[in-house]
Structures are given as structure tokens and as C-alpha cells.
Amino acid sequence: MTRPIRVIIVDDHPMVADGICAILESYDDIEVLGTLSNGQEVVDRVEELAPDVILMDLNMPQLGGLSATEILLEQNPGTRILILSMHDAPEYVSTAMSHGAKGYLLKDVPTEEIHTAIQAVMRGETYLCGGATASLSPKTSDGREVLTAREQTILLQLAQGRSNKEVAAELDISVHTVETHRKNIKRKLGINSTAGLTRYAMEHGVLQGTGVEF
């Protein structure tokens, strides 16, 4: 018999966490390892609990969901994280996915959909609920996906000729995080080279006012 999918629920609202826990425990193929109240707790205990899937809220005290996602993926790139949030704005969804989350669910989705999403990410798929899909990937006038504020900052740094290591030091983030953002920027813009990123930055005014010359 295949062992159950091991799940951790991370949410600072006990009623929400306990409600999701009760729902998931009704499924034979799910084992809830516990509920945690913030991102720091899951970072501290992930090795001990060894979950297959982490259900993660975004806005939490001490350490929020996005920062926790970054840290967890740096430690173990194979971590499967499903964001479970009340926010359906495009910037929340796209930023969560660009940080490496495997899926995004709104807290008002039907019970069965949480179960479906967990199964999907276990198969290596990404999962977006209907509300998240509708708001994801706003497009520019030329059909490209919009860059997040963080991606625009990193694009500027890269276009100025800085290395991943230099960008990481400047923004106080890890090199792995810079590499992830760099890949997402290239994917969104349909650009495969650093020279292409620089050309895009020049053509779209990203470098205006920086005093940088090429």
C-alpha cells in the first residue's frame, strides 16, 4: 500500500489551520503532520517533520510565506509548497509562483480542490485554482508577462553588468534566489541571453537615469 502524502499546514489563524487539518484528515491518502503558525516554525522544523507538501499562508508574523518559501527552496529545491491565501491580486499570485511555489489556492476554494491540488503537486505538476488563474500573468501591450517589482530591480542590476553574486550582495538575498529570478525574467520576456536582457532594458527605458553607458 502506498504511504499517505505527508502535509504540513502553516497559517497564523488557528481556526483556519485547524479547519483545513480536519478536512484533510478525512482523506485516506493524506497524513497531516501538524499545523504551524509562521514561516520561521516551518523553516526550523521542516527537516524533522519531512513533509511531502507544505500548505503555506502568505501574511504571517516573524517570517512570511514568501520569505519562508525562498529559504525552504534554498535548503531543498525539491520542496513542494502550495500557497493558500485570501489574496487574489495578480502581484500576489505571480510573485508566489516566481518564488518557486508549486501552486496557489484561495482560501474560499471547495474542500475537494485542496485535496486535488495536493495530489497534483505530488505528481510534479503546478496547480492554480480558478481565481488565481484568472489573475495570473497580466500581459504588457506586446503580449509579454509583466515583471514584478523585484524582477524589475534585478533586471536593472543585471543590465548594469553585475554578476549574480554581486546582485545577491546588493539586495541582501541569496545567489540561488537571484538565479531563480533571472530565469523567470528570461522566461517572461522570451530572452535567452544576458546581452538580450541588456538590450531589452535599454529599449524599454529601464536604464534611464542610471548614468550607465554601454
C-alpha atoms as a PDB file:
ATOM      1  CA  MET A   1       0.000   0.000   0.000  1.00  0.00           C
ATOM      2  CA  THR A   2       1.294   3.470  -0.943  1.00  0.00           C
ATOM      3  CA  ARG A   3       2.023   5.616   2.094  1.00  0.00           C
ATOM      4  CA  PRO A   4      -0.104   8.739   2.643  1.00  0.00           C
ATOM      5  CA  ILE A   5       1.020  12.176   1.415  1.00  0.00           C
ATOM      6  CA  ARG A   6       2.607  13.940   4.388  1.00  0.00           C
ATOM      7  CA  VAL A   7       1.341  17.524   4.747  1.00  0.00           C
ATOM      8  CA  ILE A   8       2.180  20.496   6.984  1.00  0.00           C
ATOM      9  CA  ILE A   9      -0.250  23.422   7.311  1.00  0.00           C
ATOM     10  CA  VAL A  10       1.344  26.814   8.027  1.00  0.00           C
ATOM     11  CA  ASP A  11      -1.137  29.565   8.972  1.00  0.00           C
ATOM     12  CA  ASP A  12      -1.232  32.052  11.824  1.00  0.00           C
ATOM     13  CA  HIS A  13      -5.019  31.753  12.220  1.00  0.00           C
ATOM     14  CA  PRO A  14      -5.684  28.652  14.370  1.00  0.00           C
ATOM     15  CA  MET A  15      -9.293  28.310  13.209  1.00  0.00           C
ATOM     16  CA  VAL A  16      -8.211  28.255   9.565  1.00  0.00           C
ATOM     17  CA  ALA A  17      -5.361  25.822  10.170  1.00  0.00           C
ATOM     18  CA  ASP A  18      -7.487  23.510  12.322  1.00  0.00           C
ATOM     19  CA  GLY A  19     -10.330  23.608   9.794  1.00  0.00           C
ATOM     20  CA  ILE A  20      -8.054  22.634   6.905  1.00  0.00           C
ATOM     21  CA  CYS A  21      -6.447  19.975   9.070  1.00  0.00           C
ATOM     22  CA  ALA A  22      -9.834  18.417   9.869  1.00  0.00           C
ATOM     23  CA  ILE A  23     -10.773  18.454   6.189  1.00  0.00           C
ATOM     24  CA  LEU A  24      -7.555  16.828   5.006  1.00  0.00           C
ATOM     25  CA  GLU A  25      -7.544  14.175   7.716  1.00  0.00           C
ATOM     26  CA  SER A  26     -10.801  12.839   6.247  1.00  0.00           C
ATOM     27  CA  TYR A  27      -8.856  11.620   3.201  1.00  0.00           C
ATOM     28  CA  ASP A  28      -7.163   8.232   3.428  1.00  0.00           C
ATOM     29  CA  ASP A  29      -4.231   9.316   1.262  1.00  0.00           C
ATOM     30  CA  ILE A  30      -3.340  12.373   3.400  1.00  0.00           C
ATOM     31  CA  GLU A  31      -1.446  12.466   6.695  1.00  0.00           C
ATOM     32  CA  VAL A  32      -1.342  15.889   8.389  1.00  0.00           C
ATOM     33  CA  LEU A  33       1.935  16.110  10.300  1.00  0.00           C
ATOM     34  CA  GLY A  34       0.929  19.253  12.149  1.00  0.00           C
ATOM     35  CA  THR A  35      -0.101  22.906  11.982  1.00  0.00           C
ATOM     36  CA  LEU A  36       2.444  25.694  12.425  1.00  0.00           C
ATOM     37  CA  SER A  37       1.773  29.397  12.960  1.00  0.00           C
ATOM     38  CA  ASN A  38       4.507  31.142  10.947  1.00  0.00           C
ATOM     39  CA  GLY A  39       7.220  30.695   8.351  1.00  0.00           C
ATOM     40  CA  GLN A  40      10.041  30.527  10.873  1.00  0.00           C
ATOM     41  CA  GLU A  41       8.485  27.492  12.542  1.00  0.00           C
ATOM     42  CA  VAL A  42       8.318  25.541   9.296  1.00  0.00           C
ATOM     43  CA  VAL A  43      11.902  26.510   8.391  1.00  0.00           C
ATOM     44  CA  ASP A  44      13.050  25.311  11.825  1.00  0.00           C
ATOM     45  CA  ARG A  45      11.080  22.049  11.757  1.00  0.00           C
ATOM     46  CA  VAL A  46      10.937  21.002   8.100  1.00  0.00           C
ATOM     47  CA  GLU A  47      13.874  18.611   8.402  1.00  0.00           C
ATOM     48  CA  GLU A  48      12.402  16.950  11.486  1.00  0.00           C
ATOM     49  CA  LEU A  49       8.882  16.619  10.029  1.00  0.00           C
ATOM     50  CA  ALA A  50       9.954  15.779   6.438  1.00  0.00           C
ATOM     51  CA  PRO A  51       6.691  16.743   4.686  1.00  0.00           C
ATOM     52  CA  ASP A  52       5.837  15.947   1.087  1.00  0.00           C
ATOM     53  CA  VAL A  53       3.742  19.101   0.690  1.00  0.00           C
ATOM     54  CA  ILE A  54       3.594  22.354   2.669  1.00  0.00           C
ATOM     55  CA  LEU A  55       0.388  24.414   2.639  1.00  0.00           C
ATOM     56  CA  MET A  56       1.620  27.961   3.282  1.00  0.00           C
ATOM     57  CA  ASP A  57      -0.192  31.196   4.091  1.00  0.00           C
ATOM     58  CA  LEU A  58       1.419  34.429   2.846  1.00  0.00           C
ATOM     59  CA  ASN A  59       0.989  37.044   5.571  1.00  0.00           C
ATOM     60  CA  MET A  60       2.292  35.735   8.895  1.00  0.00           C
ATOM     61  CA  PRO A  61       4.287  37.181  11.818  1.00  0.00           C
ATOM     62  CA  GLN A  62       8.055  36.636  12.248  1.00  0.00           C
ATOM     63  CA  LEU A  63       8.541  35.187   8.763  1.00  0.00           C
ATOM     64  CA  GLY A  64       6.020  35.460   5.939  1.00  0.00           C
ATOM     65  CA  GLY A  65       5.169  32.808   3.391  1.00  0.00           C
ATOM     66  CA  LEU A  66       7.251  34.200   0.523  1.00  0.00           C
ATOM     67  CA  SER A  67      10.425  34.526   2.580  1.00  0.00           C
ATOM     68  CA  ALA A  68       9.877  31.069   4.074  1.00  0.00           C
ATOM     69  CA  THR A  69       9.372  29.646   0.574  1.00  0.00           C
ATOM     70  CA  GLU A  70      12.685  31.153  -0.581  1.00  0.00           C
ATOM     71  CA  ILE A  71      14.566  29.757   2.410  1.00  0.00           C
ATOM     72  CA  LEU A  72      12.997  26.296   2.154  1.00  0.00           C
ATOM     73  CA  LEU A  73      13.789  26.044  -1.563  1.00  0.00           C
ATOM     74  CA  GLU A  74      17.373  27.128  -0.975  1.00  0.00           C
ATOM     75  CA  GLN A  75      17.733  24.302   1.551  1.00  0.00           C
ATOM     76  CA  ASN A  76      15.900  21.769  -0.585  1.00  0.00           C
ATOM     77  CA  PRO A  77      14.932  22.754  -4.158  1.00  0.00           C
ATOM     78  CA  GLY A  78      12.552  19.800  -4.336  1.00  0.00           C
ATOM     79  CA  THR A  79      10.235  21.144  -1.627  1.00  0.00           C
ATOM     80  CA  ARG A  80       6.602  21.268  -2.785  1.00  0.00           C
ATOM     81  CA  ILE A  81       4.901  24.399  -1.472  1.00  0.00           C
ATOM     82  CA  LEU A  82       1.252  25.254  -2.073  1.00  0.00           C
ATOM     83  CA  ILE A  83       0.295  28.829  -1.220  1.00  0.00           C
ATOM     84  CA  LEU A  84      -3.111  29.071   0.476  1.00  0.00           C
ATOM     85  CA  SER A  85      -4.142  32.723   0.672  1.00  0.00           C
ATOM     86  CA  MET A  86      -7.066  35.124   0.719  1.00  0.00           C
ATOM     87  CA  HIS A  87      -5.292  37.406  -1.803  1.00  0.00           C
ATOM     88  CA  ASP A  88      -6.222  37.024  -5.481  1.00  0.00           C
ATOM     89  CA  ALA A  89      -4.425  40.114  -6.835  1.00  0.00           C
ATOM     90  CA  PRO A  90      -2.106  39.334  -9.782  1.00  0.00           C
ATOM     91  CA  GLU A  91       1.022  40.521  -7.981  1.00  0.00           C
ATOM     92  CA  TYR A  92       0.452  38.060  -5.122  1.00  0.00           C
ATOM     93  CA  VAL A  93      -0.086  35.098  -7.433  1.00  0.00           C
ATOM     94  CA  SER A  94       2.750  35.837  -9.866  1.00  0.00           C
ATOM     95  CA  THR A  95       5.203  36.681  -7.086  1.00  0.00           C
ATOM     96  CA  ALA A  96       4.413  33.471  -5.204  1.00  0.00           C
ATOM     97  CA  MET A  97       4.919  31.390  -8.330  1.00  0.00           C
ATOM     98  CA  SER A  98       8.128  33.213  -9.244  1.00  0.00           C
ATOM     99  CA  HIS A  99       9.437  32.428  -5.752  1.00  0.00           C
ATOM    100  CA  GLY A 100       9.074  28.720  -6.530  1.00  0.00           C
ATOM    101  CA  ALA A 101       5.665  27.796  -5.137  1.00  0.00           C
ATOM    102  CA  LYS A 102       4.133  24.798  -6.937  1.00  0.00           C
ATOM    103  CA  GLY A 103       0.602  26.112  -6.698  1.00  0.00           C
ATOM    104  CA  TYR A 104      -1.727  28.822  -5.455  1.00  0.00           C
ATOM    105  CA  LEU A 105      -5.113  28.322  -3.813  1.00  0.00           C
ATOM    106  CA  LEU A 106      -7.572  30.869  -2.493  1.00  0.00           C
ATOM    107  CA  LYS A 107      -8.924  30.122   0.980  1.00  0.00           C
ATOM    108  CA  ASP A 108     -12.514  30.008  -0.266  1.00  0.00           C
ATOM    109  CA  VAL A 109     -11.950  27.069  -2.643  1.00  0.00           C
ATOM    110  CA  PRO A 110     -14.033  23.916  -2.122  1.00  0.00           C
ATOM    111  CA  THR A 111     -12.605  21.261   0.184  1.00  0.00           C
ATOM    112  CA  GLU A 112     -12.070  18.834  -2.678  1.00  0.00           C
ATOM    113  CA  GLU A 113      -9.912  21.328  -4.542  1.00  0.00           C
ATOM    114  CA  ILE A 114      -7.309  21.478  -1.767  1.00  0.00           C
ATOM    115  CA  HIS A 115      -7.042  17.691  -1.970  1.00  0.00           C
ATOM    116  CA  THR A 116      -6.824  17.826  -5.782  1.00  0.00           C
ATOM    117  CA  ALA A 117      -4.076  20.453  -5.621  1.00  0.00           C
ATOM    118  CA  ILE A 118      -2.006  18.383  -3.191  1.00  0.00           C
ATOM    119  CA  GLN A 119      -2.262  15.362  -5.471  1.00  0.00           C
ATOM    120  CA  ALA A 120      -1.296  17.489  -8.490  1.00  0.00           C
ATOM    121  CA  VAL A 121       1.898  18.893  -6.961  1.00  0.00           C
ATOM    122  CA  MET A 122       2.838  15.397  -5.783  1.00  0.00           C
ATOM    123  CA  ARG A 123       2.738  14.354  -9.454  1.00  0.00           C
ATOM    124  CA  GLY A 124       5.161  17.161 -10.256  1.00  0.00           C
ATOM    125  CA  GLU A 125       2.517  19.473 -11.701  1.00  0.00           C
ATOM    126  CA  THR A 126       1.707  23.062 -10.800  1.00  0.00           C
ATOM    127  CA  TYR A 127      -1.804  23.909  -9.657  1.00  0.00           C
ATOM    128  CA  LEU A 128      -3.691  27.190  -9.752  1.00  0.00           C
ATOM    129  CA  CYS A 129      -7.288  27.475  -8.594  1.00  0.00           C
ATOM    130  CA  GLY A 130      -9.727  29.290 -10.874  1.00  0.00           C
ATOM    131  CA  GLY A 131      -9.472  32.617  -9.058  1.00  0.00           C
ATOM    132  CA  ALA A 132      -5.680  32.536  -9.165  1.00  0.00           C
ATOM    133  CA  THR A 133      -5.569  31.551 -12.844  1.00  0.00           C
ATOM    134  CA  ALA A 134      -7.791  34.487 -13.757  1.00  0.00           C
ATOM    135  CA  SER A 135      -5.435  36.972 -12.122  1.00  0.00           C
ATOM    136  CA  LEU A 136      -2.101  35.397 -13.032  1.00  0.00           C
ATOM    137  CA  SER A 137       0.302  36.702 -15.630  1.00  0.00           C
ATOM    138  CA  PRO A 138      -1.036  40.112 -16.604  1.00  0.00           C
ATOM    139  CA  LYS A 139       0.353  40.987 -20.031  1.00  0.00           C
ATOM    140  CA  THR A 140       2.042  44.066 -21.417  1.00  0.00           C
ATOM    141  CA  SER A 141       0.883  45.643 -24.679  1.00  0.00           C
ATOM    142  CA  ASP A 142       3.283  43.406 -26.620  1.00  0.00           C
ATOM    143  CA  GLY A 143       1.890  40.252 -25.001  1.00  0.00           C
ATOM    144  CA  ARG A 144       4.731  39.642 -22.545  1.00  0.00           C
ATOM    145  CA  GLU A 145       4.144  38.863 -18.885  1.00  0.00           C
ATOM    146  CA  VAL A 146       4.559  41.795 -16.524  1.00  0.00           C
ATOM    147  CA  LEU A 147       7.692  41.715 -14.350  1.00  0.00           C
ATOM    148  CA  THR A 148       7.233  42.005 -10.599  1.00  0.00           C
ATOM    149  CA  ALA A 149       8.869  44.951  -8.795  1.00  0.00           C
ATOM    150  CA  ARG A 150      11.633  42.644  -7.550  1.00  0.00           C
ATOM    151  CA  GLU A 151      12.243  41.284 -11.068  1.00  0.00           C
ATOM    152  CA  GLN A 152      12.498  44.832 -12.444  1.00  0.00           C
ATOM    153  CA  THR A 153      15.082  45.670  -9.773  1.00  0.00           C
ATOM    154  CA  ILE A 154      17.122  42.572 -10.621  1.00  0.00           C
ATOM    155  CA  LEU A 155      16.822  43.247 -14.366  1.00  0.00           C
ATOM    156  CA  LEU A 156      18.311  46.701 -13.777  1.00  0.00           C
ATOM    157  CA  GLN A 157      21.195  45.212 -11.790  1.00  0.00           C
ATOM    158  CA  LEU A 158      21.912  42.572 -14.448  1.00  0.00           C
ATOM    159  CA  ALA A 159      21.678  45.098 -17.264  1.00  0.00           C
ATOM    160  CA  GLN A 160      24.330  47.151 -15.484  1.00  0.00           C
ATOM    161  CA  GLY A 161      26.658  44.180 -15.877  1.00  0.00           C
ATOM    162  CA  ARG A 162      26.556  42.895 -12.309  1.00  0.00           C
ATOM    163  CA  SER A 163      27.035  39.174 -11.639  1.00  0.00           C
ATOM    164  CA  ASN A 164      24.518  37.040  -9.756  1.00  0.00           C
ATOM    165  CA  LYS A 165      26.814  37.182  -6.722  1.00  0.00           C
ATOM    166  CA  GLU A 166      27.042  40.978  -6.864  1.00  0.00           C
ATOM    167  CA  VAL A 167      23.266  41.322  -7.225  1.00  0.00           C
ATOM    168  CA  ALA A 168      22.733  38.990  -4.264  1.00  0.00           C
ATOM    169  CA  ALA A 169      25.077  41.080  -2.108  1.00  0.00           C
ATOM    170  CA  GLU A 170      23.463  44.353  -3.208  1.00  0.00           C
ATOM    171  CA  LEU A 171      19.895  43.185  -2.482  1.00  0.00           C
ATOM    172  CA  ASP A 172      20.780  41.025   0.541  1.00  0.00           C
ATOM    173  CA  ILE A 173      19.337  37.844  -0.949  1.00  0.00           C
ATOM    174  CA  SER A 174      20.910  34.509  -1.847  1.00  0.00           C
ATOM    175  CA  VAL A 175      22.626  33.760  -5.164  1.00  0.00           C
ATOM    176  CA  HIS A 176      20.103  30.944  -5.670  1.00  0.00           C
ATOM    177  CA  THR A 177      17.256  33.463  -5.378  1.00  0.00           C
ATOM    178  CA  VAL A 178      18.899  35.761  -7.934  1.00  0.00           C
ATOM    179  CA  GLU A 179      19.317  32.814 -10.313  1.00  0.00           C
ATOM    180  CA  THR A 180      15.630  31.919  -9.895  1.00  0.00           C
ATOM    181  CA  HIS A 181      14.541  35.488 -10.631  1.00  0.00           C
ATOM    182  CA  ARG A 182      16.902  35.635 -13.606  1.00  0.00           C
ATOM    183  CA  LYS A 183      15.326  32.502 -15.097  1.00  0.00           C
ATOM    184  CA  ASN A 184      11.827  33.904 -14.537  1.00  0.00           C
ATOM    185  CA  ILE A 185      12.769  37.230 -16.148  1.00  0.00           C
ATOM    186  CA  LYS A 186      14.173  35.458 -19.212  1.00  0.00           C
ATOM    187  CA  ARG A 187      11.078  33.238 -19.444  1.00  0.00           C
ATOM    188  CA  LYS A 188       8.650  36.135 -19.131  1.00  0.00           C
ATOM    189  CA  LEU A 189      10.484  38.273 -21.686  1.00  0.00           C
ATOM    190  CA  GLY A 190      11.302  35.413 -24.045  1.00  0.00           C
ATOM    191  CA  ILE A 191      15.005  36.285 -23.849  1.00  0.00           C
ATOM    192  CA  ASN A 192      17.785  33.689 -23.602  1.00  0.00           C
ATOM    193  CA  SER A 193      20.936  35.742 -23.052  1.00  0.00           C
ATOM    194  CA  THR A 194      22.331  38.443 -20.775  1.00  0.00           C
ATOM    195  CA  ALA A 195      23.010  40.575 -23.859  1.00  0.00           C
ATOM    196  CA  GLY A 196      19.331  40.243 -24.726  1.00  0.00           C
ATOM    197  CA  LEU A 197      18.337  41.394 -21.228  1.00  0.00           C
ATOM    198  CA  THR A 198      20.623  44.413 -21.547  1.00  0.00           C
ATOM    199  CA  ARG A 199      19.162  45.280 -24.955  1.00  0.00           C
ATOM    200  CA  TYR A 200      15.621  44.950 -23.582  1.00  0.00           C
ATOM    201  CA  ALA A 201      16.494  47.192 -20.607  1.00  0.00           C
ATOM    202  CA  MET A 202      17.896  49.866 -22.935  1.00  0.00           C
ATOM    203  CA  GLU A 203      14.962  49.713 -25.372  1.00  0.00           C
ATOM    204  CA  HIS A 204      12.351  49.901 -22.590  1.00  0.00           C
ATOM    205  CA  GLY A 205      13.941  52.686 -20.568  1.00  0.00           C
ATOM    206  CA  VAL A 206      14.937  50.524 -17.606  1.00  0.00           C
ATOM    207  CA  LEU A 207      18.392  52.099 -17.612  1.00  0.00           C
ATOM    208  CA  GLN A 208      17.267  55.703 -17.998  1.00  0.00           C
ATOM    209  CA  GLY A 209      18.668  57.974 -15.346  1.00  0.00           C
ATOM    210  CA  THR A 210      21.161  55.440 -14.020  1.00  0.00           C
ATOM    211  CA  GLY A 211      24.196  57.016 -15.629  1.00  0.00           C
ATOM    212  CA  VAL A 212      25.218  53.652 -17.061  1.00  0.00           C
ATOM    213  CA  GLU A 213      26.737  53.615 -20.513  1.00  0.00           C
ATOM    214  CA  PHE A 214      27.197  50.663 -22.863  1.00  0.00           C
END
